Every structure is written in structure tokens, then in C-alpha cells.
Amino acid sequence: MDKGYFDFRKITEQQDELDFKNKVPCPNCKKPIPQDATMCLYCGEEVYFHKKPKWFVWTAIIAIIVFIIFALGGF
């Protein structure tokens, strides 16, 4: 087998540090995992604890208000 067959690359990304002080139960297996984890360390399922950023929520609220004003013929 040729040595160049496998194209190994060095990982240059910084690993995320998980906060093991703040744990929440996994929605699948109910074992405690860090609240900022994206995957359960026990069952391997993906978990979604992340909330939408505040700017996203405010942008949506403003867009809805502007839409209602235009729909009612305010401008």
C-alpha cells in the first residue's frame, strides 16, 4: 500500500472546552451532561440546549411590528 494513500491533515481548530460545573440531564438517556454540549457523552445522541441569540429575537419582533404597520396601512 502506498504511503500517500491516506491524506492525513493536522487539525488546526481549537477544541471547545465544556463547562462540567453546569450540568443538565440528557433529553435521551437522562444522564448529566454539560449544558453547552452538542452531543451526549453517554448515549452519543445530538442534544439541542442552545437558545437563539438575543439579537435574533429582537430582529424578529421588530420585523413583525413593521409588517403589521404596513399591513394596516400605517405608511
PDB file of N, CA and C in Angstrom:
ATOM      1  N   MET A   1       0.843  -1.165   0.000  1.00  0.00           N
ATOM      2  CA  MET A   1       0.000   0.000   0.000  1.00  0.00           C
ATOM      3  C   MET A   1       0.896   1.238   0.000  1.00  0.00           C
ATOM      4  N   ASP A   2       0.543   2.206  -0.792  1.00  0.00           N
ATOM      5  CA  ASP A   2       1.315   3.436  -0.924  1.00  0.00           C
ATOM      6  C   ASP A   2       1.166   4.296   0.332  1.00  0.00           C
ATOM      7  N   LYS A   3       2.267   4.900   0.798  1.00  0.00           N
ATOM      8  CA  LYS A   3       2.222   5.742   1.992  1.00  0.00           C
ATOM      9  C   LYS A   3       1.353   6.977   1.786  1.00  0.00           C
ATOM     10  N   GLY A   4       1.240   7.449   0.565  1.00  0.00           N
ATOM     11  CA  GLY A   4       0.447   8.633   0.287  1.00  0.00           C
ATOM     12  C   GLY A   4      -1.029   8.338   0.076  1.00  0.00           C
ATOM     13  N   TYR A   5      -1.449   7.106   0.322  1.00  0.00           N
ATOM     14  CA  TYR A   5      -2.837   6.716   0.086  1.00  0.00           C
ATOM     15  C   TYR A   5      -3.801   7.481   0.986  1.00  0.00           C
ATOM     16  N   PHE A   6      -3.463   7.584   2.271  1.00  0.00           N
ATOM     17  CA  PHE A   6      -4.318   8.304   3.207  1.00  0.00           C
ATOM     18  C   PHE A   6      -3.851   9.747   3.297  1.00  0.00           C
ATOM     19  N   ASP A   7      -4.784  10.657   3.146  1.00  0.00           N
ATOM     20  CA  ASP A   7      -4.461  12.077   3.202  1.00  0.00           C
ATOM     21  C   ASP A   7      -4.755  12.591   4.611  1.00  0.00           C
ATOM     22  N   PHE A   8      -3.781  12.460   5.503  1.00  0.00           N
ATOM     23  CA  PHE A   8      -3.958  12.930   6.868  1.00  0.00           C
ATOM     24  C   PHE A   8      -3.629  14.414   6.939  1.00  0.00           C
ATOM     25  N   ARG A   9      -4.477  15.135   7.630  1.00  0.00           N
ATOM     26  CA  ARG A   9      -4.239  16.565   7.823  1.00  0.00           C
ATOM     27  C   ARG A   9      -4.208  16.856   9.311  1.00  0.00           C
ATOM     28  N   LYS A  10      -3.368  17.791   9.683  1.00  0.00           N
ATOM     29  CA  LYS A  10      -3.289  18.187  11.076  1.00  0.00           C
ATOM     30  C   LYS A  10      -4.490  19.077  11.403  1.00  0.00           C
ATOM     31  N   ILE A  11      -5.121  18.835  12.531  1.00  0.00           N
ATOM     32  CA  ILE A  11      -6.267  19.629  12.956  1.00  0.00           C
ATOM     33  C   ILE A  11      -5.757  20.954  13.496  1.00  0.00           C
ATOM     34  N   THR A  12      -6.277  22.040  12.940  1.00  0.00           N
ATOM     35  CA  THR A  12      -5.836  23.359  13.372  1.00  0.00           C
ATOM     36  C   THR A  12      -6.900  24.081  14.189  1.00  0.00           C
ATOM     37  N   GLU A  13      -8.083  23.485  14.334  1.00  0.00           N
ATOM     38  CA  GLU A  13      -9.147  24.112  15.113  1.00  0.00           C
ATOM     39  C   GLU A  13      -8.892  23.943  16.596  1.00  0.00           C
ATOM     40  N   GLN A  14      -9.281  24.943  17.362  1.00  0.00           N
ATOM     41  CA  GLN A  14      -9.169  24.870  18.810  1.00  0.00           C
ATOM     42  C   GLN A  14     -10.357  24.081  19.350  1.00  0.00           C
ATOM     43  N   GLN A  15     -10.115  23.147  20.226  1.00  0.00           N
ATOM     44  CA  GLN A  15     -11.198  22.363  20.791  1.00  0.00           C
ATOM     45  C   GLN A  15     -11.988  23.218  21.775  1.00  0.00           C
ATOM     46  N   ASP A  16     -13.309  23.048  21.772  1.00  0.00           N
ATOM     47  CA  ASP A  16     -14.156  23.755  22.712  1.00  0.00           C
ATOM     48  C   ASP A  16     -14.034  23.109  24.085  1.00  0.00           C
ATOM     49  N   GLU A  17     -13.963  23.957  25.096  1.00  0.00           N
ATOM     50  CA  GLU A  17     -13.922  23.464  26.467  1.00  0.00           C
ATOM     51  C   GLU A  17     -15.348  23.393  26.993  1.00  0.00           C
ATOM     52  N   LEU A  18     -15.752  22.246  27.474  1.00  0.00           N
ATOM     53  CA  LEU A  18     -17.085  22.074  28.020  1.00  0.00           C
ATOM     54  C   LEU A  18     -17.108  22.489  29.485  1.00  0.00           C
ATOM     55  N   ASP A  19     -18.221  23.056  29.907  1.00  0.00           N
ATOM     56  CA  ASP A  19     -18.400  23.505  31.278  1.00  0.00           C
ATOM     57  C   ASP A  19     -19.012  22.368  32.090  1.00  0.00           C
ATOM     58  N   PHE A  20     -18.165  21.615  32.793  1.00  0.00           N
ATOM     59  CA  PHE A  20     -18.642  20.466  33.563  1.00  0.00           C
ATOM     60  C   PHE A  20     -19.225  20.873  34.908  1.00  0.00           C
ATOM     61  N   LYS A  21     -19.176  22.167  35.241  1.00  0.00           N
ATOM     62  CA  LYS A  21     -19.751  22.636  36.502  1.00  0.00           C
ATOM     63  C   LYS A  21     -21.270  22.751  36.393  1.00  0.00           C
ATOM     64  N   ASN A  22     -21.756  23.144  35.223  1.00  0.00           N
ATOM     65  CA  ASN A  22     -23.193  23.305  34.993  1.00  0.00           C
ATOM     66  C   ASN A  22     -23.696  22.156  34.136  1.00  0.00           C
ATOM     67  N   LYS A  23     -24.341  21.199  34.781  1.00  0.00           N
ATOM     68  CA  LYS A  23     -24.820  20.017  34.065  1.00  0.00           C
ATOM     69  C   LYS A  23     -26.337  20.005  34.000  1.00  0.00           C
ATOM     70  N   VAL A  24     -26.845  19.416  32.936  1.00  0.00           N
ATOM     71  CA  VAL A  24     -28.280  19.221  32.742  1.00  0.00           C
ATOM     72  C   VAL A  24     -28.491  17.780  32.279  1.00  0.00           C
ATOM     73  N   PRO A  25     -29.678  17.221  32.496  1.00  0.00           N
ATOM     74  CA  PRO A  25     -29.913  15.846  32.040  1.00  0.00           C
ATOM     75  C   PRO A  25     -30.051  15.770  30.525  1.00  0.00           C
ATOM     76  N   CYS A  26     -29.490  14.727  29.964  1.00  0.00           N
ATOM     77  CA  CYS A  26     -29.632  14.467  28.530  1.00  0.00           C
ATOM     78  C   CYS A  26     -31.104  14.185  28.237  1.00  0.00           C
ATOM     79  N   PRO A  27     -31.674  14.780  27.172  1.00  0.00           N
ATOM     80  CA  PRO A  27     -33.081  14.516  26.854  1.00  0.00           C
ATOM     81  C   PRO A  27     -33.346  13.067  26.460  1.00  0.00           C
ATOM     82  N   ASN A  28     -32.310  12.338  26.071  1.00  0.00           N
ATOM     83  CA  ASN A  28     -32.489  10.957  25.617  1.00  0.00           C
ATOM     84  C   ASN A  28     -32.273   9.930  26.734  1.00  0.00           C
ATOM     85  N   CYS A  29     -31.097   9.979  27.380  1.00  0.00           N
ATOM     86  CA  CYS A  29     -30.778   8.952  28.379  1.00  0.00           C
ATOM     87  C   CYS A  29     -30.861   9.461  29.814  1.00  0.00           C
ATOM     88  N   LYS A  30     -31.079  10.767  29.994  1.00  0.00           N
ATOM     89  CA  LYS A  30     -31.272  11.412  31.302  1.00  0.00           C
ATOM     90  C   LYS A  30     -30.024  11.453  32.177  1.00  0.00           C
ATOM     91  N   LYS A  31     -28.849  11.134  31.645  1.00  0.00           N
ATOM     92  CA  LYS A  31     -27.616  11.226  32.426  1.00  0.00           C
ATOM     93  C   LYS A  31     -27.108  12.667  32.365  1.00  0.00           C
ATOM     94  N   PRO A  32     -26.407  13.126  33.404  1.00  0.00           N
ATOM     95  CA  PRO A  32     -25.960  14.526  33.432  1.00  0.00           C
ATOM     96  C   PRO A  32     -24.832  14.797  32.439  1.00  0.00           C
ATOM     97  N   ILE A  33     -25.032  15.835  31.633  1.00  0.00           N
ATOM     98  CA  ILE A  33     -24.023  16.251  30.659  1.00  0.00           C
ATOM     99  C   ILE A  33     -23.848  17.770  30.769  1.00  0.00           C
ATOM    100  N   PRO A  34     -22.724  18.335  30.316  1.00  0.00           N
ATOM    101  CA  PRO A  34     -22.552  19.783  30.348  1.00  0.00           C
ATOM    102  C   PRO A  34     -23.633  20.481  29.525  1.00  0.00           C
ATOM    103  N   GLN A  35     -24.116  21.624  30.019  1.00  0.00           N
ATOM    104  CA  GLN A  35     -25.212  22.299  29.336  1.00  0.00           C
ATOM    105  C   GLN A  35     -24.812  22.871  27.988  1.00  0.00           C
ATOM    106  N   ASP A  36     -23.513  23.026  27.719  1.00  0.00           N
ATOM    107  CA  ASP A  36     -23.090  23.543  26.426  1.00  0.00           C
ATOM    108  C   ASP A  36     -22.637  22.435  25.473  1.00  0.00           C
ATOM    109  N   ALA A  37     -22.940  21.181  25.813  1.00  0.00           N
ATOM    110  CA  ALA A  37     -22.581  20.055  24.949  1.00  0.00           C
ATOM    111  C   ALA A  37     -23.520  19.989  23.754  1.00  0.00           C
ATOM    112  N   THR A  38     -23.012  19.527  22.629  1.00  0.00           N
ATOM    113  CA  THR A  38     -23.843  19.353  21.437  1.00  0.00           C
ATOM    114  C   THR A  38     -24.159  17.877  21.197  1.00  0.00           C
ATOM    115  N   MET A  39     -23.505  17.002  21.980  1.00  0.00           N
ATOM    116  CA  MET A  39     -23.711  15.571  21.849  1.00  0.00           C
ATOM    117  C   MET A  39     -23.588  14.956  23.235  1.00  0.00           C
ATOM    118  N   CYS A  40     -24.431  13.991  23.533  1.00  0.00           N
ATOM    119  CA  CYS A  40     -24.383  13.336  24.837  1.00  0.00           C
ATOM    120  C   CYS A  40     -23.116  12.484  24.931  1.00  0.00           C
ATOM    121  N   LEU A  41     -22.434  12.606  26.053  1.00  0.00           N
ATOM    122  CA  LEU A  41     -21.199  11.853  26.254  1.00  0.00           C
ATOM    123  C   LEU A  41     -21.465  10.383  26.559  1.00  0.00           C
ATOM    124  N   TYR A  42     -22.713  10.033  26.883  1.00  0.00           N
ATOM    125  CA  TYR A  42     -23.060   8.666  27.255  1.00  0.00           C
ATOM    126  C   TYR A  42     -23.743   7.902  26.115  1.00  0.00           C
ATOM    127  N   CYS A  43     -24.824   8.494  25.566  1.00  0.00           N
ATOM    128  CA  CYS A  43     -25.579   7.758  24.543  1.00  0.00           C
ATOM    129  C   CYS A  43     -25.182   8.167  23.119  1.00  0.00           C
ATOM    130  N   GLY A  44     -24.476   9.275  22.961  1.00  0.00           N
ATOM    131  CA  GLY A  44     -23.994   9.690  21.647  1.00  0.00           C
ATOM    132  C   GLY A  44     -25.002  10.446  20.802  1.00  0.00           C
ATOM    133  N   GLU A  45     -26.197  10.692  21.334  1.00  0.00           N
ATOM    134  CA  GLU A  45     -27.221  11.420  20.576  1.00  0.00           C
ATOM    135  C   GLU A  45     -26.945  12.915  20.603  1.00  0.00           C
ATOM    136  N   GLU A  46     -27.366  13.604  19.533  1.00  0.00           N
ATOM    137  CA  GLU A  46     -27.235  15.054  19.491  1.00  0.00           C
ATOM    138  C   GLU A  46     -28.244  15.683  20.436  1.00  0.00           C
ATOM    139  N   VAL A  47     -27.828  16.743  21.108  1.00  0.00           N
ATOM    140  CA  VAL A  47     -28.724  17.462  22.018  1.00  0.00           C
ATOM    141  C   VAL A  47     -28.760  18.925  21.600  1.00  0.00           C
ATOM    142  N   TYR A  48     -29.902  19.570  21.840  1.00  0.00           N
ATOM    143  CA  TYR A  48     -30.092  20.957  21.445  1.00  0.00           C
ATOM    144  C   TYR A  48     -30.551  21.759  22.646  1.00  0.00           C
ATOM    145  N   PHE A  49     -29.608  22.339  23.385  1.00  0.00           N
ATOM    146  CA  PHE A  49     -29.933  23.181  24.521  1.00  0.00           C
ATOM    147  C   PHE A  49     -29.758  24.655  24.181  1.00  0.00           C
ATOM    148  N   HIS A  50     -29.209  24.937  23.027  1.00  0.00           N
ATOM    149  CA  HIS A  50     -28.822  26.305  22.694  1.00  0.00           C
ATOM    150  C   HIS A  50     -30.034  27.163  22.372  1.00  0.00           C
ATOM    151  N   LYS A  51     -30.054  28.332  22.973  1.00  0.00           N
ATOM    152  CA  LYS A  51     -31.124  29.279  22.712  1.00  0.00           C
ATOM    153  C   LYS A  51     -30.718  30.195  21.568  1.00  0.00           C
ATOM    154  N   LYS A  52     -31.699  30.817  20.956  1.00  0.00           N
ATOM    155  CA  LYS A  52     -31.416  31.776  19.894  1.00  0.00           C
ATOM    156  C   LYS A  52     -30.789  33.019  20.510  1.00  0.00           C
ATOM    157  N   PRO A  53     -29.862  33.661  19.801  1.00  0.00           N
ATOM    158  CA  PRO A  53     -29.251  34.880  20.333  1.00  0.00           C
ATOM    159  C   PRO A  53     -30.286  35.990  20.497  1.00  0.00           C
ATOM    160  N   LYS A  54     -30.020  36.890  21.445  1.00  0.00           N
ATOM    161  CA  LYS A  54     -30.958  37.975  21.723  1.00  0.00           C
ATOM    162  C   LYS A  54     -31.190  38.846  20.498  1.00  0.00           C
ATOM    163  N   TRP A  55     -30.145  39.091  19.698  1.00  0.00           N
ATOM    164  CA  TRP A  55     -30.311  39.948  18.528  1.00  0.00           C
ATOM    165  C   TRP A  55     -31.285  39.324  17.546  1.00  0.00           C
ATOM    166  N   PHE A  56     -31.312  38.004  17.462  1.00  0.00           N
ATOM    167  CA  PHE A  56     -32.223  37.320  16.546  1.00  0.00           C
ATOM    168  C   PHE A  56     -33.670  37.508  16.986  1.00  0.00           C
ATOM    169  N   VAL A  57     -33.900  37.388  18.281  1.00  0.00           N
ATOM    170  CA  VAL A  57     -35.252  37.544  18.819  1.00  0.00           C
ATOM    171  C   VAL A  57     -35.736  38.974  18.596  1.00  0.00           C
ATOM    172  N   TRP A  58     -34.901  39.970  18.911  1.00  0.00           N
ATOM    173  CA  TRP A  58     -35.309  41.372  18.738  1.00  0.00           C
ATOM    174  C   TRP A  58     -35.532  41.711  17.269  1.00  0.00           C
ATOM    175  N   THR A  59     -34.706  41.162  16.381  1.00  0.00           N
ATOM    176  CA  THR A  59     -34.889  41.412  14.950  1.00  0.00           C
ATOM    177  C   THR A  59     -36.223  40.843  14.478  1.00  0.00           C
ATOM    178  N   ALA A  60     -36.577  39.668  14.956  1.00  0.00           N
ATOM    179  CA  ALA A  60     -37.855  39.057  14.578  1.00  0.00           C
ATOM    180  C   ALA A  60     -39.027  39.887  15.093  1.00  0.00           C
ATOM    181  N   ILE A  61     -38.931  40.375  16.321  1.00  0.00           N
ATOM    182  CA  ILE A  61     -40.007  41.192  16.892  1.00  0.00           C
ATOM    183  C   ILE A  61     -40.185  42.483  16.096  1.00  0.00           C
ATOM    184  N   ILE A  62     -39.085  43.145  15.783  1.00  0.00           N
ATOM    185  CA  ILE A  62     -39.160  44.387  15.001  1.00  0.00           C
ATOM    186  C   ILE A  62     -39.735  44.125  13.618  1.00  0.00           C
ATOM    187  N   ALA A  63     -39.324  43.030  12.981  1.00  0.00           N
ATOM    188  CA  ALA A  63     -39.839  42.699  11.648  1.00  0.00           C
ATOM    189  C   ALA A  63     -41.341  42.453  11.691  1.00  0.00           C
ATOM    190  N   ILE A  64     -41.828  41.793  12.727  1.00  0.00           N
ATOM    191  CA  ILE A  64     -43.274  41.533  12.856  1.00  0.00           C
ATOM    192  C   ILE A  64     -44.031  42.841  13.058  1.00  0.00           C
ATOM    193  N   ILE A  65     -43.493  43.740  13.893  1.00  0.00           N
ATOM    194  CA  ILE A  65     -44.148  45.029  14.124  1.00  0.00           C
ATOM    195  C   ILE A  65     -44.217  45.841  12.839  1.00  0.00           C
ATOM    196  N   VAL A  66     -43.108  45.891  12.098  1.00  0.00           N
ATOM    197  CA  VAL A  66     -43.087  46.633  10.836  1.00  0.00           C
ATOM    198  C   VAL A  66     -44.088  46.020   9.846  1.00  0.00           C
ATOM    199  N   PHE A  67     -44.159  44.722   9.777  1.00  0.00           N
ATOM    200  CA  PHE A  67     -45.100  44.046   8.895  1.00  0.00           C
ATOM    201  C   PHE A  67     -46.535  44.400   9.260  1.00  0.00           C
ATOM    202  N   ILE A  68     -46.852  44.406  10.540  1.00  0.00           N
ATOM    203  CA  ILE A  68     -48.219  44.741  10.979  1.00  0.00           C
ATOM    204  C   ILE A  68     -48.551  46.191  10.630  1.00  0.00           C
ATOM    205  N   ILE A  69     -47.610  47.097  10.804  1.00  0.00           N
ATOM    206  CA  ILE A  69     -47.847  48.509  10.484  1.00  0.00           C
ATOM    207  C   ILE A  69     -48.132  48.658   8.991  1.00  0.00           C
ATOM    208  N   PHE A  70     -47.320  48.009   8.149  1.00  0.00           N
ATOM    209  CA  PHE A  70     -47.553  48.098   6.695  1.00  0.00           C
ATOM    210  C   PHE A  70     -48.858  47.418   6.298  1.00  0.00           C
ATOM    211  N   ALA A  71     -49.192  46.323   6.968  1.00  0.00           N
ATOM    212  CA  ALA A  71     -50.426  45.598   6.633  1.00  0.00           C
ATOM    213  C   ALA A  71     -51.669  46.415   6.976  1.00  0.00           C
ATOM    214  N   LEU A  72     -51.581  47.200   8.020  1.00  0.00           N
ATOM    215  CA  LEU A  72     -52.709  48.029   8.426  1.00  0.00           C
ATOM    216  C   LEU A  72     -52.762  49.356   7.674  1.00  0.00           C
ATOM    217  N   GLY A  73     -51.779  49.588   6.818  1.00  0.00           N
ATOM    218  CA  GLY A  73     -51.763  50.804   6.018  1.00  0.00           C
ATOM    219  C   GLY A  73     -51.282  52.025   6.771  1.00  0.00           C
ATOM    220  N   GLY A  74     -50.411  51.827   7.698  1.00  0.00           N
ATOM    221  CA  GLY A  74     -49.886  52.925   8.501  1.00  0.00           C
ATOM    222  C   GLY A  74     -48.936  53.838   7.731  1.00  0.00           C
ATOM    223  N   PHE A  75     -48.360  53.367   6.650  1.00  0.00           N
ATOM    224  CA  PHE A  75     -47.413  54.207   5.899  1.00  0.00           C
ATOM    225  C   PHE A  75     -47.869  54.375   4.485  1.00  0.00           C
TER     226      PHE A  75
END
